[in-house]
Amino acid sequence: MNTISDKGIEKINRIISEKSNKDKVSSRDFIQRDLGLDSLDILELVWELEREFDVVLDKNIFNDIHLTVGGVYSFVANGEKIKG
């Protein structure tokens, strides 16, 4: 299992914060319940994370109502790297 750097965590937090209009997010925040992201917001979030980190992410995982910001860290860290 891969881990993500502190810089990567900061990038993810910034992206999620902008998408959710929250000043600060926590690794324990639920993407849907706590941050209020709907399905379109989540899809846009996935696209932005894929571009920022050059990975391919399983979009279905992001529809899990129990997904936390910390879970997003793990999915990005373990996403399939795009070969270029």
N, C-alpha and C. Protein backbone atom coordinates (compact mmCIF):
# COMPACT_ATOMS: atom_id res chain seq x y z
N MET A 1 0.84 -1.18 0.00
CA MET A 1 0.00 0.00 0.00
C MET A 1 0.89 1.24 0.00
N ASN A 2 0.62 2.14 -0.91
CA ASN A 2 1.38 3.37 -1.02
C ASN A 2 0.86 4.42 -0.06
N THR A 3 1.72 5.36 0.27
CA THR A 3 1.31 6.50 1.09
C THR A 3 1.49 7.77 0.27
N ILE A 4 0.89 8.82 0.74
CA ILE A 4 0.97 10.09 0.04
C ILE A 4 1.76 11.08 0.89
N SER A 5 2.50 11.93 0.23
CA SER A 5 3.35 12.90 0.94
C SER A 5 2.50 13.98 1.60
N ASP A 6 3.12 14.71 2.51
CA ASP A 6 2.43 15.83 3.15
C ASP A 6 2.01 16.86 2.11
N LYS A 7 2.86 17.07 1.11
CA LYS A 7 2.54 18.01 0.04
C LYS A 7 1.31 17.53 -0.73
N GLY A 8 1.25 16.21 -0.98
CA GLY A 8 0.10 15.64 -1.67
C GLY A 8 -1.18 15.80 -0.86
N ILE A 9 -1.07 15.60 0.45
CA ILE A 9 -2.23 15.78 1.34
C ILE A 9 -2.70 17.23 1.29
N GLU A 10 -1.76 18.16 1.32
CA GLU A 10 -2.13 19.57 1.24
C GLU A 10 -2.84 19.89 -0.07
N LYS A 11 -2.37 19.31 -1.18
CA LYS A 11 -3.01 19.53 -2.48
C LYS A 11 -4.44 18.98 -2.48
N ILE A 12 -4.59 17.76 -1.96
CA ILE A 12 -5.92 17.15 -1.91
C ILE A 12 -6.84 17.98 -1.05
N ASN A 13 -6.36 18.41 0.12
CA ASN A 13 -7.18 19.23 1.01
C ASN A 13 -7.61 20.53 0.33
N ARG A 14 -6.68 21.15 -0.41
CA ARG A 14 -6.99 22.41 -1.10
C ARG A 14 -8.07 22.18 -2.16
N ILE A 15 -7.91 21.11 -2.94
CA ILE A 15 -8.87 20.81 -4.00
C ILE A 15 -10.25 20.53 -3.40
N ILE A 16 -10.30 19.71 -2.35
CA ILE A 16 -11.58 19.37 -1.72
C ILE A 16 -12.19 20.60 -1.06
N SER A 17 -11.35 21.40 -0.42
CA SER A 17 -11.82 22.62 0.23
C SER A 17 -12.47 23.57 -0.78
N GLU A 18 -11.83 23.74 -1.92
CA GLU A 18 -12.39 24.60 -2.97
C GLU A 18 -13.70 24.04 -3.50
N LYS A 19 -13.75 22.73 -3.69
CA LYS A 19 -14.94 22.10 -4.24
C LYS A 19 -16.11 22.16 -3.25
N SER A 20 -15.81 22.09 -1.95
CA SER A 20 -16.87 22.06 -0.93
C SER A 20 -17.18 23.43 -0.34
N ASN A 21 -16.39 24.44 -0.73
CA ASN A 21 -16.54 25.78 -0.16
C ASN A 21 -16.35 25.81 1.35
N LYS A 22 -15.51 24.92 1.85
CA LYS A 22 -15.15 24.89 3.28
C LYS A 22 -13.74 25.44 3.42
N ASP A 23 -13.52 26.23 4.44
CA ASP A 23 -12.18 26.79 4.66
C ASP A 23 -11.16 25.73 5.02
N LYS A 24 -11.61 24.72 5.75
CA LYS A 24 -10.70 23.68 6.23
C LYS A 24 -11.41 22.33 6.17
N VAL A 25 -10.65 21.31 5.76
CA VAL A 25 -11.20 19.95 5.77
C VAL A 25 -10.30 19.07 6.63
N SER A 26 -10.90 18.03 7.17
CA SER A 26 -10.19 17.07 8.02
C SER A 26 -10.20 15.71 7.35
N SER A 27 -9.21 14.91 7.65
CA SER A 27 -9.15 13.56 7.07
C SER A 27 -10.37 12.73 7.49
N ARG A 28 -11.04 13.12 8.56
CA ARG A 28 -12.22 12.38 9.04
C ARG A 28 -13.54 12.86 8.45
N ASP A 29 -13.50 13.97 7.70
CA ASP A 29 -14.72 14.49 7.10
C ASP A 29 -15.24 13.54 6.03
N PHE A 30 -16.55 13.29 6.05
CA PHE A 30 -17.18 12.49 5.01
C PHE A 30 -17.44 13.39 3.80
N ILE A 31 -17.08 12.89 2.63
CA ILE A 31 -17.18 13.67 1.40
C ILE A 31 -18.61 14.15 1.15
N GLN A 32 -19.58 13.29 1.34
CA GLN A 32 -20.97 13.68 1.06
C GLN A 32 -21.63 14.33 2.28
N ARG A 33 -21.61 13.65 3.40
CA ARG A 33 -22.36 14.11 4.58
C ARG A 33 -21.79 15.39 5.17
N ASP A 34 -20.49 15.42 5.42
CA ASP A 34 -19.89 16.58 6.09
C ASP A 34 -19.57 17.72 5.15
N LEU A 35 -19.15 17.39 3.93
CA LEU A 35 -18.72 18.43 3.00
C LEU A 35 -19.77 18.78 1.96
N GLY A 36 -20.83 17.98 1.90
CA GLY A 36 -21.97 18.31 1.05
C GLY A 36 -21.75 18.17 -0.45
N LEU A 37 -20.79 17.34 -0.86
CA LEU A 37 -20.55 17.17 -2.28
C LEU A 37 -21.60 16.23 -2.87
N ASP A 38 -22.19 16.64 -3.98
CA ASP A 38 -23.16 15.78 -4.67
C ASP A 38 -22.43 15.00 -5.76
N SER A 39 -23.16 14.22 -6.52
CA SER A 39 -22.53 13.33 -7.50
C SER A 39 -21.76 14.10 -8.58
N LEU A 40 -22.26 15.23 -9.01
CA LEU A 40 -21.54 16.03 -10.01
C LEU A 40 -20.26 16.62 -9.40
N ASP A 41 -20.35 17.12 -8.18
CA ASP A 41 -19.16 17.63 -7.48
C ASP A 41 -18.10 16.54 -7.35
N ILE A 42 -18.54 15.34 -7.03
CA ILE A 42 -17.62 14.22 -6.84
C ILE A 42 -16.94 13.86 -8.16
N LEU A 43 -17.70 13.83 -9.23
CA LEU A 43 -17.12 13.53 -10.54
C LEU A 43 -16.08 14.58 -10.93
N GLU A 44 -16.40 15.84 -10.70
CA GLU A 44 -15.44 16.91 -10.98
C GLU A 44 -14.21 16.79 -10.09
N LEU A 45 -14.41 16.40 -8.84
CA LEU A 45 -13.30 16.19 -7.91
C LEU A 45 -12.38 15.08 -8.42
N VAL A 46 -12.96 13.98 -8.87
CA VAL A 46 -12.17 12.87 -9.39
C VAL A 46 -11.34 13.33 -10.58
N TRP A 47 -11.95 14.05 -11.51
CA TRP A 47 -11.23 14.53 -12.69
C TRP A 47 -10.07 15.43 -12.29
N GLU A 48 -10.33 16.32 -11.35
CA GLU A 48 -9.26 17.23 -10.92
C GLU A 48 -8.13 16.48 -10.23
N LEU A 49 -8.46 15.50 -9.39
CA LEU A 49 -7.43 14.70 -8.72
C LEU A 49 -6.63 13.90 -9.74
N GLU A 50 -7.31 13.33 -10.74
CA GLU A 50 -6.61 12.57 -11.78
C GLU A 50 -5.61 13.46 -12.53
N ARG A 51 -6.03 14.66 -12.87
CA ARG A 51 -5.14 15.59 -13.57
C ARG A 51 -3.96 16.02 -12.68
N GLU A 52 -4.27 16.37 -11.45
CA GLU A 52 -3.25 16.89 -10.54
C GLU A 52 -2.19 15.85 -10.20
N PHE A 53 -2.62 14.58 -10.03
CA PHE A 53 -1.71 13.54 -9.58
C PHE A 53 -1.32 12.55 -10.68
N ASP A 54 -1.82 12.76 -11.90
CA ASP A 54 -1.47 11.92 -13.03
C ASP A 54 -1.77 10.44 -12.76
N VAL A 55 -2.98 10.19 -12.26
CA VAL A 55 -3.42 8.83 -11.95
C VAL A 55 -4.81 8.61 -12.54
N VAL A 56 -5.20 7.35 -12.62
CA VAL A 56 -6.57 6.97 -12.99
C VAL A 56 -7.21 6.42 -11.72
N LEU A 57 -8.37 6.96 -11.36
CA LEU A 57 -9.06 6.55 -10.14
C LEU A 57 -10.37 5.86 -10.49
N ASP A 58 -10.77 4.90 -9.66
CA ASP A 58 -12.04 4.21 -9.83
C ASP A 58 -13.16 5.14 -9.37
N LYS A 59 -13.91 5.66 -10.32
CA LYS A 59 -14.95 6.64 -10.01
C LYS A 59 -16.06 6.07 -9.14
N ASN A 60 -16.31 4.78 -9.22
CA ASN A 60 -17.37 4.16 -8.42
C ASN A 60 -17.08 4.23 -6.92
N ILE A 61 -15.83 4.17 -6.55
CA ILE A 61 -15.46 4.22 -5.13
C ILE A 61 -15.89 5.55 -4.52
N PHE A 62 -15.85 6.61 -5.31
CA PHE A 62 -16.17 7.93 -4.80
C PHE A 62 -17.65 8.12 -4.52
N ASN A 63 -18.50 7.21 -4.95
CA ASN A 63 -19.93 7.30 -4.66
C ASN A 63 -20.30 6.66 -3.34
N ASP A 64 -19.34 6.07 -2.66
CA ASP A 64 -19.57 5.46 -1.35
C ASP A 64 -19.90 6.56 -0.35
N ILE A 65 -21.06 6.50 0.28
CA ILE A 65 -21.46 7.56 1.21
C ILE A 65 -20.58 7.60 2.45
N HIS A 66 -19.79 6.57 2.66
CA HIS A 66 -18.91 6.52 3.83
C HIS A 66 -17.48 6.96 3.52
N LEU A 67 -17.25 7.46 2.32
CA LEU A 67 -15.91 7.88 1.92
C LEU A 67 -15.51 9.15 2.67
N THR A 68 -14.33 9.10 3.27
CA THR A 68 -13.79 10.26 3.98
C THR A 68 -12.68 10.91 3.17
N VAL A 69 -12.27 12.08 3.60
CA VAL A 69 -11.13 12.74 2.97
C VAL A 69 -9.89 11.85 3.10
N GLY A 70 -9.72 11.21 4.26
CA GLY A 70 -8.61 10.28 4.45
C GLY A 70 -8.65 9.13 3.47
N GLY A 71 -9.84 8.67 3.14
CA GLY A 71 -9.98 7.63 2.12
C GLY A 71 -9.53 8.11 0.75
N VAL A 72 -9.79 9.38 0.47
CA VAL A 72 -9.35 9.95 -0.79
C VAL A 72 -7.83 9.93 -0.87
N TYR A 73 -7.15 10.24 0.25
CA TYR A 73 -5.68 10.17 0.28
C TYR A 73 -5.21 8.80 -0.19
N SER A 74 -5.82 7.75 0.36
CA SER A 74 -5.43 6.38 0.03
C SER A 74 -5.70 6.06 -1.43
N PHE A 75 -6.87 6.46 -1.94
CA PHE A 75 -7.21 6.16 -3.33
C PHE A 75 -6.25 6.86 -4.28
N VAL A 76 -5.87 8.09 -3.98
CA VAL A 76 -4.93 8.81 -4.84
C VAL A 76 -3.55 8.16 -4.76
N ALA A 77 -3.12 7.81 -3.56
CA ALA A 77 -1.80 7.20 -3.38
C ALA A 77 -1.70 5.86 -4.11
N ASN A 78 -2.81 5.16 -4.21
CA ASN A 78 -2.82 3.83 -4.82
C ASN A 78 -3.44 3.81 -6.21
N GLY A 79 -3.73 4.98 -6.76
CA GLY A 79 -4.31 5.07 -8.10
C GLY A 79 -3.32 4.55 -9.13
N GLU A 80 -3.87 4.11 -10.23
CA GLU A 80 -3.03 3.60 -11.33
C GLU A 80 -2.36 4.78 -12.02
N LYS A 81 -1.04 4.77 -12.03
CA LYS A 81 -0.29 5.84 -12.67
C LYS A 81 -0.50 5.82 -14.17
N ILE A 82 -0.67 7.00 -14.74
CA ILE A 82 -0.83 7.11 -16.18
C ILE A 82 0.56 7.01 -16.81
N LYS A 83 0.66 6.12 -17.75
CA LYS A 83 1.96 5.93 -18.42
C LYS A 83 2.04 6.91 -19.59
N GLY A 84 3.13 7.64 -19.65
CA GLY A 84 3.23 8.65 -20.68
C GLY A 84 4.43 8.51 -21.55
